[in-house]
Amino acid sequence: MSRIRANQITNQSADGAPTVQNGLVISGVTTSTTFSGSGASLTNIPSAQLTGALPAISGANLTGITQTAINNNADNRLITGSGTANTLEGEATLTFTNSGSAGQLNLKRSTSTDQETIFYYGSSNLEIETREATGIKLKTNKSDRVNITATGQVQLPVNGQQLTWGASQQMKFYYENSEERMYLQGDGAYGFAFRVNSGNRIEISKTTGDVTMQGASGRNFLWDNSDASLYLTDSGSGASARLKIGSGQDLQLYHDVGGANHITCATNQELKISANKHTFYDYSGVTKRMEINASGQVTQSAQPSFAVYRNQDGHTLNNEVFPFNTARYNIGSHFNTGNHRFTAPVAGRYLFNFYSIYNTGGSSHQIAYRVNNSTSQGMLIHFSHAGGWDYVSYSQMFNLNANDYVTMWSTSNINWHGNSWQLFCGELLS
């Protein structure tokens, strides 16, 4: 085989593109500005020498490309960077599931059971759920606005904030710093407001209709606008009401639906009490003050009442107060055995009775009640006796004011008997 050696090869047509029909082998460096053709047979081209934009290629015959590893790879895990070259991380505590009808995002503190929060979005609603005893906070401008505690309490941490539901018929719950008032307010056709005002009074107002609080068996609380009456009831107004306070000085308390057992004070100013037994206690709820039994008998354990006498057989008094020094009973301790006075604890009508035997003869004997140490018309009694032992009794009723006091006097010189033959007693009647 012969070789042709030449210092220069030129195209015979002088167009700058020589044609080599059977290929051209170049062992040295070839410098070109452009390349055209399929390049199907090009091999072993160093990647470091390739520059510029490449056209779209299939990559079927590419080799030597570095792979990227994904750690903790599992179904539904979100992929994040790991900080290591050519390595991604499948987050075990951050997963996403989409079933087609619902999407769910799980955020865990650890892989322990229930230490996670779930964001679930289905066809009907969006749910945010914590699986352990932790609350939920909503913040704006870096500050807490709404807190939902682990027990379900909703809190507005900032004073003056307002919680609102709805649009035109909205409900508001807010606190006014200026007046220290709390409101629960509804708007619209059935608007109402509930508040505790600055005087610590509860106010309930409503735009239209009655104000009711309803339980499972019916209305338990009703303000009836039609007759301006307040009912505490089991099924509404009328005879079934347990308690009614009406506009016409009407007070009714029923025990049963028919109203047979009731306390009522209606427009005729009557008060009726009918029941098997009624017991009234003082404010402590322990001490019994009055009882009406099934037979209609009324007992008042604290009603002022007393019975006293002189613990001495024979003794003489001349225009002196009877020195009753011993009490058979003294409810309320309103009789004083030191100064021998009964002092009225309250204003009312009081009944008094005196009984004793004596043995002084004469025709001008007198005894008297005194109120505040004074005697007026109808308070003296005159009696005569020839001699020996005899008896005298005397009853009076007084309309006393609170702190008025009553004493019993022997206004003439008489020898009296005490102990079993004498008694002074009294009681508040009404």
Protein backbone atom coordinates (compact mmCIF):
# COMPACT_ATOMS: atom_id res chain seq x y z
CA MET A 1 0.00 0.00 0.00
CA SER A 2 1.27 3.38 -0.87
CA ARG A 3 0.97 6.55 1.10
CA ILE A 4 0.45 10.09 -0.06
CA ARG A 5 1.95 12.73 1.96
CA ALA A 6 1.12 16.39 1.38
CA ASN A 7 1.59 19.62 3.25
CA GLN A 8 -1.89 20.81 2.31
CA ILE A 9 -5.08 19.25 0.95
CA THR A 10 -7.49 21.55 -0.82
CA ASN A 11 -10.78 21.00 -2.46
CA GLN A 12 -10.47 20.85 -6.19
CA SER A 13 -13.61 22.90 -6.50
CA ALA A 14 -12.06 25.53 -4.19
CA ASP A 15 -15.29 25.69 -1.97
CA GLY A 16 -13.36 24.97 1.33
CA ALA A 17 -14.90 21.55 2.04
CA PRO A 18 -12.76 18.64 0.84
CA THR A 19 -14.47 15.29 0.55
CA VAL A 20 -12.87 12.06 1.81
CA GLN A 21 -14.96 9.13 0.56
CA ASN A 22 -13.55 6.29 2.69
CA GLY A 23 -13.06 8.14 5.96
CA LEU A 24 -10.37 10.22 7.51
CA VAL A 25 -8.11 9.16 10.37
CA ILE A 26 -6.51 12.00 12.31
CA SER A 27 -4.18 11.15 15.11
CA GLY A 28 -3.53 14.67 16.20
CA VAL A 29 -5.73 17.45 17.46
CA THR A 30 -8.57 18.55 15.27
CA THR A 31 -10.06 21.97 15.80
CA SER A 32 -13.45 22.72 14.31
CA THR A 33 -15.97 25.54 14.86
CA THR A 34 -19.06 23.49 14.04
CA PHE A 35 -20.07 19.83 13.69
CA SER A 36 -23.03 18.38 11.80
CA GLY A 37 -24.23 14.85 11.31
CA SER A 38 -25.91 12.15 13.42
CA GLY A 39 -22.87 11.45 15.63
CA ALA A 40 -24.16 7.91 16.07
CA SER A 41 -20.64 6.43 15.95
CA LEU A 42 -18.92 8.99 18.22
CA THR A 43 -17.50 7.31 21.35
CA ASN A 44 -15.15 8.10 24.23
CA ILE A 45 -15.74 11.84 24.12
CA PRO A 46 -14.56 13.32 27.49
CA SER A 47 -17.47 15.07 29.21
CA ALA A 48 -15.14 17.80 30.48
CA GLN A 49 -14.49 18.89 26.89
CA LEU A 50 -18.21 19.23 25.99
CA THR A 51 -19.47 22.82 26.20
CA GLY A 52 -22.52 24.71 24.96
CA ALA A 53 -26.16 23.61 24.77
CA LEU A 54 -26.95 19.99 23.90
CA PRO A 55 -30.03 19.02 21.91
CA ALA A 56 -32.61 16.65 23.39
CA ILE A 57 -31.23 13.14 23.74
CA SER A 58 -32.76 9.87 24.91
CA GLY A 59 -29.90 8.93 27.22
CA ALA A 60 -30.32 5.26 26.37
CA ASN A 61 -26.62 4.83 25.77
CA LEU A 62 -25.33 7.24 28.50
CA THR A 63 -23.05 5.62 31.06
CA GLY A 64 -21.08 6.70 34.13
CA ILE A 65 -23.81 9.03 35.56
CA THR A 66 -23.74 9.38 39.43
CA GLN A 67 -26.99 8.15 41.14
CA THR A 68 -28.85 9.97 44.02
CA ALA A 69 -29.75 7.81 47.08
CA ILE A 70 -33.03 8.27 49.09
CA ASN A 71 -32.75 7.12 52.71
CA ASN A 72 -35.77 5.81 54.71
CA ASN A 73 -37.65 5.44 51.49
CA ALA A 74 -41.21 4.21 52.02
CA ASP A 75 -44.67 4.73 50.62
CA ASN A 76 -46.31 8.17 51.31
CA ARG A 77 -43.18 9.78 52.81
CA LEU A 78 -42.20 13.32 51.85
CA ILE A 79 -38.61 13.73 50.51
CA THR A 80 -36.29 16.43 51.91
CA GLY A 81 -32.57 17.24 51.63
CA SER A 82 -30.20 15.46 53.96
CA GLY A 83 -27.14 17.73 53.96
CA THR A 84 -25.11 15.04 52.24
CA ALA A 85 -24.22 15.15 48.53
CA ASN A 86 -26.28 12.88 46.26
CA THR A 87 -28.52 11.83 49.21
CA LEU A 88 -32.18 12.65 49.98
CA GLU A 89 -34.18 11.76 53.09
CA GLY A 90 -37.61 10.09 53.28
CA GLU A 91 -39.11 11.71 56.40
CA ALA A 92 -40.64 9.12 58.73
CA THR A 93 -42.39 11.87 60.77
CA LEU A 94 -43.84 13.76 57.78
CA THR A 95 -46.09 11.70 55.51
CA PHE A 96 -48.73 12.46 52.92
CA THR A 97 -51.55 10.21 51.72
CA ASN A 98 -54.05 10.81 48.94
CA SER A 99 -56.74 8.22 48.40
CA GLY A 100 -58.49 10.09 45.62
CA SER A 101 -61.40 11.30 47.78
CA ALA A 102 -59.32 12.66 50.68
CA GLY A 103 -55.83 13.90 51.41
CA GLN A 104 -54.06 13.50 54.74
CA LEU A 105 -50.84 15.06 56.05
CA ASN A 106 -49.31 13.58 59.22
CA LEU A 107 -46.76 15.57 61.28
CA LYS A 108 -45.15 13.62 64.13
CA ARG A 109 -42.88 14.65 67.01
CA SER A 110 -41.46 11.16 67.03
CA THR A 111 -42.39 7.74 65.77
CA SER A 112 -44.21 6.94 69.03
CA THR A 113 -47.92 6.17 68.82
CA ASP A 114 -50.28 9.19 68.81
CA GLN A 115 -47.47 11.78 69.09
CA GLU A 116 -48.69 13.42 65.92
CA THR A 117 -50.94 16.03 64.35
CA ILE A 118 -53.17 15.13 61.41
CA PHE A 119 -54.39 17.50 58.70
CA TYR A 120 -57.23 15.71 56.94
CA TYR A 121 -59.12 17.12 53.96
CA GLY A 122 -62.13 15.19 52.72
CA SER A 123 -65.18 15.94 50.64
CA SER A 124 -67.13 17.37 53.61
CA ASN A 125 -64.62 19.21 55.79
CA LEU A 126 -61.04 19.97 56.81
CA GLU A 127 -59.91 18.45 60.10
CA ILE A 128 -56.93 19.41 62.26
CA GLU A 129 -56.38 16.83 64.97
CA THR A 130 -53.84 16.30 67.73
CA ARG A 131 -53.53 12.72 68.97
CA GLU A 132 -52.12 13.57 72.42
CA ALA A 133 -52.87 16.02 75.25
CA THR A 134 -51.65 19.14 73.47
CA GLY A 135 -53.53 22.29 72.51
CA ILE A 136 -53.80 24.29 69.30
CA LYS A 137 -52.78 27.95 68.95
CA LEU A 138 -53.66 30.37 66.18
CA LYS A 139 -51.35 33.40 65.92
CA THR A 140 -51.28 36.64 63.97
CA ASN A 141 -48.54 39.26 64.08
CA LYS A 142 -46.46 36.90 66.29
CA SER A 143 -49.09 36.90 69.07
CA ASP A 144 -51.59 34.31 70.34
CA ARG A 145 -55.12 35.04 69.14
CA VAL A 146 -57.07 31.82 69.73
CA ASN A 147 -56.06 28.91 71.98
CA ILE A 148 -57.82 25.55 72.04
CA THR A 149 -56.70 23.61 75.09
CA ALA A 150 -56.25 19.85 75.26
CA THR A 151 -59.59 19.62 77.12
CA GLY A 152 -61.47 21.54 74.41
CA GLN A 153 -61.60 25.01 75.98
CA VAL A 154 -61.51 27.91 73.52
CA GLN A 155 -59.61 30.94 74.83
CA LEU A 156 -59.08 34.47 73.55
CA PRO A 157 -55.80 35.43 75.25
CA VAL A 158 -55.93 39.17 74.50
CA ASN A 159 -58.42 41.40 76.36
CA GLY A 160 -60.79 43.21 74.06
CA GLN A 161 -60.74 40.49 71.37
CA GLN A 162 -64.03 39.49 69.80
CA LEU A 163 -65.17 36.04 68.70
CA THR A 164 -67.77 36.13 65.90
CA TRP A 165 -69.75 33.49 64.00
CA GLY A 166 -71.82 34.00 60.88
CA ALA A 167 -72.52 37.10 58.81
CA SER A 168 -75.84 38.99 59.01
CA GLN A 169 -77.13 36.68 61.74
CA GLN A 170 -73.90 36.52 63.65
CA MET A 171 -73.16 35.70 67.24
CA LYS A 172 -70.53 37.68 69.10
CA PHE A 173 -68.81 36.98 72.38
CA TYR A 174 -66.57 39.75 73.61
CA TYR A 175 -65.36 41.67 76.64
CA GLU A 176 -65.47 45.45 76.91
CA ASN A 177 -62.55 46.91 78.83
CA SER A 178 -64.15 50.35 79.07
CA GLU A 179 -67.17 49.15 81.06
CA GLU A 180 -65.94 45.78 82.30
CA ARG A 181 -68.89 44.03 80.69
CA MET A 182 -69.25 40.63 79.06
CA TYR A 183 -71.59 40.15 76.10
CA LEU A 184 -73.04 37.21 74.22
CA GLN A 185 -74.82 38.84 71.29
CA GLY A 186 -76.76 37.62 68.27
CA ASP A 187 -77.86 39.70 65.28
CA GLY A 188 -80.63 39.32 62.74
CA ALA A 189 -84.36 38.67 63.10
CA TYR A 190 -83.88 36.68 66.33
CA GLY A 191 -81.12 38.80 67.81
CA PHE A 192 -80.52 38.70 71.53
CA ALA A 193 -77.94 39.88 74.02
CA PHE A 194 -76.70 38.42 77.29
CA ARG A 195 -74.38 40.46 79.48
CA VAL A 196 -73.11 40.98 83.00
CA ASN A 197 -73.11 44.75 83.42
CA SER A 198 -71.00 47.02 85.59
CA GLY A 199 -73.43 46.59 88.50
CA ASN A 200 -72.83 42.80 88.48
CA ARG A 201 -76.38 42.28 87.20
CA ILE A 202 -77.29 39.77 84.49
CA GLU A 203 -79.25 41.19 81.57
CA ILE A 204 -80.98 39.15 78.84
CA SER A 205 -82.66 41.01 76.00
CA LYS A 206 -84.23 39.82 72.75
CA THR A 207 -85.30 41.64 69.59
CA THR A 208 -88.59 39.76 69.07
CA GLY A 209 -90.55 36.91 70.63
CA ASP A 210 -90.10 35.21 74.00
CA VAL A 211 -86.85 34.41 75.78
CA THR A 212 -86.65 30.68 76.52
CA MET A 213 -84.16 28.16 77.87
CA GLN A 214 -85.20 24.72 76.70
CA GLY A 215 -84.35 21.26 77.94
CA ALA A 216 -85.05 17.84 76.47
CA SER A 217 -88.62 17.68 77.84
CA GLY A 218 -89.67 21.23 76.97
CA ARG A 219 -89.13 24.82 77.96
CA ASN A 220 -87.59 25.18 81.42
CA PHE A 221 -87.24 28.98 81.46
CA LEU A 222 -89.57 31.40 79.66
CA TRP A 223 -90.00 35.16 79.55
CA ASP A 224 -93.43 35.62 77.94
CA ASN A 225 -93.70 38.97 76.18
CA SER A 226 -97.47 38.58 75.73
CA ASP A 227 -98.27 38.91 79.45
CA ALA A 228 -94.87 40.14 80.73
CA SER A 229 -94.47 37.04 82.90
CA LEU A 230 -91.52 34.90 83.90
CA TYR A 231 -92.00 31.12 84.00
CA LEU A 232 -89.87 28.29 85.33
CA THR A 233 -91.71 25.37 83.81
CA ASP A 234 -91.54 21.86 82.42
CA SER A 235 -93.64 22.42 79.27
CA GLY A 236 -94.42 26.11 78.84
CA SER A 237 -96.83 28.59 80.41
CA GLY A 238 -100.20 27.93 82.04
CA ALA A 239 -101.22 25.46 84.72
CA SER A 240 -98.13 23.29 84.20
CA ALA A 241 -95.73 26.08 85.17
CA ARG A 242 -93.69 25.41 88.27
CA LEU A 243 -93.03 29.09 88.98
CA LYS A 244 -94.64 32.16 87.45
CA ILE A 245 -93.91 35.79 88.26
CA GLY A 246 -96.43 37.92 86.35
CA SER A 247 -96.91 41.59 85.67
CA GLY A 248 -100.16 41.90 87.69
CA GLN A 249 -98.54 41.28 91.11
CA ASP A 250 -98.88 37.62 90.27
CA LEU A 251 -96.75 34.98 91.99
CA GLN A 252 -97.56 31.31 91.43
CA LEU A 253 -95.64 28.21 92.48
CA TYR A 254 -97.10 24.86 91.41
CA HIS A 255 -96.11 21.40 92.55
CA ASP A 256 -97.84 19.38 89.84
CA VAL A 257 -99.29 19.95 86.38
CA GLY A 258 -102.84 20.38 87.65
CA GLY A 259 -101.82 23.05 90.13
CA ALA A 260 -103.51 21.26 93.04
CA ASN A 261 -100.43 21.71 95.22
CA HIS A 262 -99.25 25.26 94.84
CA ILE A 263 -98.29 28.56 96.42
CA THR A 264 -99.99 31.46 94.69
CA CYS A 265 -100.34 35.18 95.24
CA ALA A 266 -102.41 36.42 92.31
CA THR A 267 -104.17 39.71 91.58
CA ASN A 268 -106.65 39.14 94.42
CA GLN A 269 -103.67 39.26 96.83
CA GLU A 270 -104.37 35.79 98.21
CA LEU A 271 -101.67 33.35 99.22
CA LYS A 272 -102.43 29.64 99.23
CA ILE A 273 -100.19 26.86 100.46
CA SER A 274 -101.24 23.25 99.96
CA ALA A 275 -98.90 20.28 100.11
CA ASN A 276 -98.09 17.27 102.21
CA LYS A 277 -95.41 19.16 104.11
CA HIS A 278 -93.58 22.47 103.84
CA THR A 279 -90.48 23.31 105.84
CA PHE A 280 -88.84 26.73 105.80
CA TYR A 281 -85.22 27.23 106.89
CA ASP A 282 -83.11 30.31 107.51
CA TYR A 283 -80.44 31.51 105.07
CA SER A 284 -77.98 28.86 106.27
CA GLY A 285 -80.32 26.09 105.14
CA VAL A 286 -79.77 24.24 108.45
CA THR A 287 -81.99 25.86 111.10
CA LYS A 288 -85.71 25.14 110.70
CA ARG A 289 -87.87 28.28 111.08
CA MET A 290 -91.38 27.18 110.11
CA GLU A 291 -93.16 23.98 109.14
CA ILE A 292 -96.63 23.24 107.78
CA ASN A 293 -97.46 19.57 108.15
CA ALA A 294 -99.95 17.48 106.19
CA SER A 295 -102.74 18.35 108.66
CA GLY A 296 -102.23 22.08 108.14
CA GLN A 297 -100.62 22.64 111.53
CA VAL A 298 -98.00 25.42 111.56
CA THR A 299 -95.01 25.31 113.90
CA GLN A 300 -92.42 28.04 114.24
CA SER A 301 -89.45 26.84 116.24
CA ALA A 302 -87.89 30.32 116.57
CA GLN A 303 -91.10 32.22 117.38
CA PRO A 304 -90.49 34.52 120.43
CA SER A 305 -92.21 32.93 123.44
CA PHE A 306 -91.60 32.67 127.19
CA ALA A 307 -93.06 31.44 130.52
CA VAL A 308 -91.53 32.71 133.82
CA TYR A 309 -92.33 32.79 137.57
CA ARG A 310 -90.89 33.85 140.95
CA ASN A 311 -88.81 31.09 142.50
CA GLN A 312 -90.15 31.90 146.02
CA ASP A 313 -93.27 31.00 148.02
CA GLY A 314 -94.70 34.03 149.85
CA HIS A 315 -93.46 37.55 149.00
CA THR A 316 -95.00 41.01 149.29
CA LEU A 317 -94.99 43.69 146.57
CA ASN A 318 -96.22 47.29 146.85
CA ASN A 319 -96.19 49.27 143.57
CA GLU A 320 -93.32 47.12 142.33
CA VAL A 321 -92.56 45.05 139.26
CA PHE A 322 -93.05 41.32 139.66
CA PRO A 323 -89.49 39.95 140.09
CA PHE A 324 -89.83 36.85 137.89
CA ASN A 325 -86.41 35.21 138.21
CA THR A 326 -86.93 31.70 136.79
CA ALA A 327 -87.92 30.66 133.26
CA ARG A 328 -89.84 27.52 132.42
CA TYR A 329 -88.78 28.22 128.81
CA ASN A 330 -87.53 31.32 127.04
CA ILE A 331 -87.34 30.92 123.22
CA GLY A 332 -85.02 33.58 121.83
CA SER A 333 -84.04 34.73 125.37
CA HIS A 334 -86.18 37.85 124.98
CA PHE A 335 -87.28 37.81 128.64
CA ASN A 336 -84.58 39.07 131.00
CA THR A 337 -84.77 37.48 134.49
CA GLY A 338 -82.39 40.18 135.75
CA ASN A 339 -84.56 43.26 135.05
CA HIS A 340 -87.81 41.20 134.64
CA ARG A 341 -88.62 42.64 131.21
CA PHE A 342 -89.77 41.11 127.94
CA THR A 343 -88.27 43.05 124.99
CA ALA A 344 -89.94 42.68 121.59
CA PRO A 345 -87.38 41.51 118.98
CA VAL A 346 -89.60 42.59 116.06
CA ALA A 347 -92.72 44.68 115.55
CA GLY A 348 -95.93 42.67 115.84
CA ARG A 349 -98.94 41.64 117.88
CA TYR A 350 -98.03 39.98 121.20
CA LEU A 351 -100.30 38.13 123.65
CA PHE A 352 -99.48 38.10 127.42
CA ASN A 353 -101.08 36.23 130.33
CA PHE A 354 -100.55 36.46 134.13
CA TYR A 355 -101.75 34.08 136.85
CA SER A 356 -101.00 33.93 140.62
CA ILE A 357 -102.61 33.24 144.02
CA TYR A 358 -102.54 35.78 146.88
CA ASN A 359 -103.79 35.98 150.51
CA THR A 360 -104.28 39.68 151.22
CA GLY A 361 -107.80 40.91 151.99
CA GLY A 362 -109.12 44.25 150.88
CA SER A 363 -111.22 45.99 148.25
CA SER A 364 -108.69 48.09 146.31
CA HIS A 365 -106.20 45.62 144.88
CA GLN A 366 -104.65 46.47 141.50
CA ILE A 367 -102.26 44.88 139.03
CA ALA A 368 -101.16 46.29 135.65
CA TYR A 369 -99.11 45.68 132.52
CA ARG A 370 -96.71 48.44 131.56
CA VAL A 371 -95.23 49.07 128.12
CA ASN A 372 -91.93 50.95 128.31
CA ASN A 373 -92.85 51.55 132.02
CA SER A 374 -96.10 53.35 131.09
CA THR A 375 -99.75 52.38 131.59
CA SER A 376 -102.57 53.56 129.37
CA GLN A 377 -106.29 52.82 128.90
CA GLY A 378 -107.35 49.22 129.43
CA MET A 379 -104.10 48.14 131.10
CA LEU A 380 -105.22 48.10 134.80
CA ILE A 381 -107.26 45.43 136.61
CA HIS A 382 -109.07 45.96 139.95
CA PHE A 383 -110.14 43.16 142.33
CA SER A 384 -111.32 42.67 145.99
CA HIS A 385 -111.02 39.85 148.48
CA ALA A 386 -112.24 39.32 152.08
CA GLY A 387 -109.28 37.19 153.20
CA GLY A 388 -107.47 33.87 152.78
CA TRP A 389 -105.99 32.51 149.58
CA ASP A 390 -107.54 33.38 146.24
CA TYR A 391 -106.31 33.74 142.67
CA VAL A 392 -106.29 36.34 139.91
CA SER A 393 -105.51 36.05 136.18
CA TYR A 394 -105.12 38.74 133.51
CA SER A 395 -104.54 38.62 129.72
CA GLN A 396 -103.63 41.40 127.32
CA MET A 397 -102.60 41.82 123.67
CA PHE A 398 -100.24 44.60 122.61
CA ASN A 399 -99.16 45.96 119.25
CA LEU A 400 -95.46 46.49 119.94
CA ASN A 401 -92.62 48.03 118.01
CA ALA A 402 -89.23 46.41 117.94
CA ASN A 403 -87.37 47.01 121.26
CA ASP A 404 -90.55 47.94 123.21
CA TYR A 405 -90.51 46.19 126.60
CA VAL A 406 -93.33 44.85 128.82
CA THR A 407 -93.36 44.41 132.62
CA MET A 408 -95.97 43.16 135.13
CA TRP A 409 -96.68 45.33 138.21
CA SER A 410 -98.33 44.91 141.61
CA THR A 411 -99.59 48.50 142.03
CA SER A 412 -101.03 47.87 145.52
CA ASN A 413 -99.62 46.17 148.64
CA ILE A 414 -100.32 42.43 148.21
CA ASN A 415 -98.80 39.20 149.52
CA TRP A 416 -98.19 36.93 146.49
CA HIS A 417 -97.24 33.28 146.10
CA GLY A 418 -94.61 32.08 143.60
CA ASN A 419 -93.24 28.74 142.41
CA SER A 420 -96.07 26.38 141.35
CA TRP A 421 -98.78 29.03 142.00
CA GLN A 422 -97.64 31.77 139.64
CA LEU A 423 -96.85 32.22 135.90
CA PHE A 424 -96.26 35.10 133.48
CA CYS A 425 -96.11 34.14 129.78
CA GLY A 426 -96.24 35.73 126.34
CA GLU A 427 -95.75 35.03 122.62
CA LEU A 428 -95.60 36.76 119.27
CA LEU A 429 -98.79 35.98 117.34
CA SER A 430 -98.37 37.88 114.10
